Amino acid sequence: MKVDQTERDRRARARLILIGYPVVILLVSVVVDVFVLGVEPLVFAAPSAWSLRALIAASVLLVLNHTWIMTATELVRGRYRLQATPEEWTEAGLRAEDAPAEGVRELQRCHNLHRNSTENTVVFALLVLPFVMVSPSPTIAGVWIVGFAVARLGYTFAYLAKKTGVRGAFMTLSLLAMYGVATYLVAGLFL
């Protein structure tokens, strides 16, 4: 298949954006941490009450997000009579190969949302554990920890509502929070 110059240019721009996107978010997180919120030298201690409050609030929001995704998935299964396991298909007297294509696509959307949410939350959790052990200021803890959870809720809403631009904005905000925690930890090591 021959690709014309316009298509090659479009692909080159797309590659540049894909490579530049995380770099730009990382740089923004450094600027916010260093010049707006302020980074303190890392001192390991028991988590502050403020860090724990932020962590608890974020955890509750992330549980709500998980519940929302789980419920949306099960509603799709019910609407299209889709089963989760081979034995459920047999018990229901249905065959997976007869499932409506639209239902399979909608279920795949839910699975993709769940996978994306889980991947991001696991990485964030690994970063936030040492973060709370260095007791960042209440502002920093609130901005990055609670901000991540709120951004994930926004991402879920936009994904389920099929609002691509809004979804992208919330994805950026959740990445910014994740990078914000990471850059705070790295910057704090060198102060």
Protein backbone atom coordinates (compact mmCIF):
# COMPACT_ATOMS: atom_id res chain seq x y z
CA MET A 1 0.00 0.00 0.00
CA LYS A 2 1.47 3.30 -1.11
CA VAL A 3 1.21 6.18 1.36
CA ASP A 4 1.17 9.73 0.01
CA GLN A 5 3.22 12.61 1.47
CA THR A 6 0.21 14.13 3.26
CA GLU A 7 -0.42 10.87 5.09
CA ARG A 8 3.28 10.52 5.98
CA ASP A 9 3.24 14.08 7.36
CA ARG A 10 0.10 13.34 9.39
CA ARG A 11 1.70 10.20 10.84
CA ALA A 12 4.91 12.06 11.67
CA ARG A 13 2.91 14.77 13.52
CA ALA A 14 0.95 12.10 15.40
CA ARG A 15 4.21 10.36 16.43
CA LEU A 16 5.66 13.65 17.63
CA ILE A 17 2.54 14.38 19.70
CA LEU A 18 2.55 10.88 21.20
CA ILE A 19 6.20 11.20 22.19
CA GLY A 20 5.95 14.82 23.33
CA TYR A 21 2.73 14.49 25.32
CA PRO A 22 4.16 12.72 28.41
CA VAL A 23 7.30 14.87 28.29
CA VAL A 24 5.21 18.06 28.40
CA ILE A 25 3.08 16.74 31.28
CA LEU A 26 6.24 15.76 33.15
CA LEU A 27 7.71 19.24 32.67
CA VAL A 28 4.47 20.86 33.85
CA SER A 29 4.52 18.68 36.97
CA VAL A 30 8.10 19.76 37.70
CA VAL A 31 7.14 23.43 37.33
CA VAL A 32 4.09 23.01 39.58
CA ASP A 33 6.06 21.09 42.22
CA VAL A 34 9.13 23.32 42.27
CA PHE A 35 7.71 26.78 41.57
CA VAL A 36 4.07 26.64 42.69
CA LEU A 37 3.67 24.08 45.49
CA GLY A 38 7.24 23.87 46.70
CA VAL A 39 9.33 20.80 47.35
CA GLU A 40 10.81 20.01 50.75
CA PRO A 41 13.77 17.71 51.40
CA LEU A 42 12.50 14.19 52.00
CA VAL A 43 12.28 13.25 55.65
CA PHE A 44 10.80 9.85 56.24
CA ALA A 45 8.30 9.72 59.10
CA ALA A 46 4.86 8.45 59.93
CA PRO A 47 2.30 9.93 57.53
CA SER A 48 0.84 13.25 58.62
CA ALA A 49 -2.85 13.50 59.43
CA TRP A 50 -3.32 15.60 56.28
CA SER A 51 -1.64 13.01 54.08
CA LEU A 52 -3.79 10.28 55.60
CA ARG A 53 -6.95 12.35 55.09
CA ALA A 54 -6.04 12.90 51.44
CA LEU A 55 -5.23 9.21 51.01
CA ILE A 56 -8.50 8.12 52.63
CA ALA A 57 -10.54 10.58 50.55
CA ALA A 58 -8.83 9.42 47.35
CA SER A 59 -9.28 5.76 48.29
CA VAL A 60 -13.00 6.23 48.83
CA LEU A 61 -13.31 8.08 45.50
CA LEU A 62 -11.38 5.32 43.73
CA VAL A 63 -13.64 2.65 45.29
CA LEU A 64 -16.65 4.61 44.00
CA ASN A 65 -15.00 4.78 40.59
CA HIS A 66 -14.40 1.03 40.59
CA THR A 67 -17.99 0.40 41.64
CA TRP A 68 -19.25 2.67 38.85
CA ILE A 69 -17.20 0.80 36.24
CA MET A 70 -18.24 -2.58 37.63
CA THR A 71 -21.91 -1.58 37.59
CA ALA A 72 -21.68 -0.20 34.04
CA THR A 73 -20.12 -3.47 32.91
CA GLU A 74 -22.85 -5.57 34.47
CA LEU A 75 -25.58 -3.33 33.02
CA VAL A 76 -24.11 -3.91 29.54
CA ARG A 77 -24.04 -7.67 30.19
CA GLY A 78 -27.68 -7.58 31.27
CA ARG A 79 -28.84 -5.37 28.41
CA TYR A 80 -27.29 -7.66 25.77
CA ARG A 81 -27.63 -10.98 27.68
CA LEU A 82 -23.86 -11.46 27.73
CA GLN A 83 -22.35 -13.96 30.13
CA ALA A 84 -18.98 -13.83 31.88
CA THR A 85 -17.89 -17.47 31.74
CA PRO A 86 -18.47 -20.54 29.51
CA GLU A 87 -20.52 -22.20 32.25
CA GLU A 88 -22.76 -19.11 32.55
CA TRP A 89 -23.40 -19.23 28.80
CA THR A 90 -24.38 -22.89 29.12
CA GLU A 91 -26.57 -22.32 32.19
CA ALA A 92 -28.36 -19.45 30.39
CA GLY A 93 -28.98 -21.62 27.33
CA LEU A 94 -27.08 -19.12 25.18
CA ARG A 95 -24.03 -19.31 22.93
CA ALA A 96 -21.24 -16.73 22.95
CA GLU A 97 -20.98 -16.84 19.15
CA ASP A 98 -24.61 -15.63 18.94
CA ALA A 99 -23.94 -12.54 21.07
CA PRO A 100 -24.92 -9.30 19.33
CA ALA A 101 -21.90 -7.47 17.88
CA GLU A 102 -23.01 -4.17 19.43
CA GLY A 103 -23.14 -5.79 22.88
CA VAL A 104 -19.69 -7.30 22.45
CA ARG A 105 -18.32 -3.86 21.46
CA GLU A 106 -19.96 -2.17 24.46
CA LEU A 107 -18.65 -4.85 26.81
CA GLN A 108 -15.17 -4.40 25.33
CA ARG A 109 -15.44 -0.65 26.05
CA CYS A 110 -16.22 -1.44 29.70
CA HIS A 111 -13.33 -3.88 29.90
CA ASN A 112 -10.97 -1.31 28.37
CA LEU A 113 -12.14 1.30 30.89
CA HIS A 114 -11.67 -1.11 33.78
CA ARG A 115 -8.19 -2.10 32.57
CA ASN A 116 -7.13 1.53 32.11
CA SER A 117 -8.42 2.46 35.54
CA THR A 118 -6.67 -0.46 37.21
CA GLU A 119 -3.35 0.16 35.44
CA ASN A 120 -3.29 3.82 36.42
CA THR A 121 -4.42 3.23 39.99
CA VAL A 122 -1.80 0.54 40.66
CA VAL A 123 1.03 2.77 39.43
CA PHE A 124 -0.33 5.71 41.43
CA ALA A 125 -0.61 3.56 44.57
CA LEU A 126 3.03 2.52 44.25
CA LEU A 127 4.05 6.18 44.05
CA VAL A 128 1.75 7.45 46.78
CA LEU A 129 2.96 4.99 49.44
CA PRO A 130 6.43 6.55 49.79
CA PHE A 131 4.88 9.98 49.14
CA VAL A 132 2.74 9.89 52.29
CA MET A 133 5.76 8.62 54.26
CA VAL A 134 7.60 11.90 53.60
CA SER A 135 4.63 13.94 54.85
CA PRO A 136 4.21 16.52 52.11
CA SER A 137 2.34 19.72 52.96
CA PRO A 138 -1.46 19.49 53.16
CA THR A 139 -1.77 21.47 49.93
CA ILE A 140 0.55 19.18 48.00
CA ALA A 141 -1.08 16.05 49.42
CA GLY A 142 -4.53 17.33 48.52
CA VAL A 143 -3.63 18.53 45.05
CA TRP A 144 -1.85 15.38 43.92
CA ILE A 145 -3.59 12.60 45.87
CA VAL A 146 -7.19 13.79 45.77
CA GLY A 147 -6.64 15.37 42.36
CA PHE A 148 -5.74 11.98 40.92
CA ALA A 149 -8.92 10.35 42.24
CA VAL A 150 -11.15 13.19 41.03
CA ALA A 151 -9.50 13.05 37.61
CA ARG A 152 -10.14 9.28 37.43
CA LEU A 153 -13.82 9.85 38.21
CA GLY A 154 -13.93 12.47 35.44
CA TYR A 155 -12.22 10.05 33.07
CA THR A 156 -14.80 7.36 33.83
CA PHE A 157 -17.69 9.77 33.27
CA ALA A 158 -16.25 10.98 29.96
CA TYR A 159 -15.45 7.46 28.78
CA LEU A 160 -18.93 6.14 29.52
CA ALA A 161 -20.53 9.27 28.04
CA LYS A 162 -18.32 8.86 24.93
CA LYS A 163 -16.91 12.40 25.27
CA THR A 164 -13.45 11.93 23.78
CA GLY A 165 -12.09 15.45 24.33
CA VAL A 166 -13.24 15.56 27.94
CA ARG A 167 -11.81 12.06 28.50
CA GLY A 168 -8.45 13.25 27.17
CA ALA A 169 -8.48 16.24 29.50
CA PHE A 170 -9.16 14.05 32.55
CA MET A 171 -6.51 11.57 31.42
CA THR A 172 -4.05 14.46 31.29
CA LEU A 173 -5.04 15.60 34.79
CA SER A 174 -4.62 12.12 36.25
CA LEU A 175 -1.20 11.79 34.59
CA LEU A 176 -0.26 15.22 35.88
CA ALA A 177 -1.11 14.12 39.43
CA MET A 178 0.87 10.91 39.00
CA TYR A 179 3.87 12.75 37.59
CA GLY A 180 3.47 15.39 40.29
CA VAL A 181 3.94 12.78 43.01
CA ALA A 182 6.88 11.22 41.17
CA THR A 183 8.67 14.54 40.53
CA TYR A 184 8.07 15.64 44.13
CA LEU A 185 9.76 12.47 45.38
CA VAL A 186 12.69 12.76 42.98
CA ALA A 187 13.17 16.50 43.58
CA GLY A 188 12.97 15.97 47.34
CA LEU A 189 15.83 13.47 47.18
CA PHE A 190 18.18 16.16 45.87
CA LEU A 191 17.34 18.97 48.30
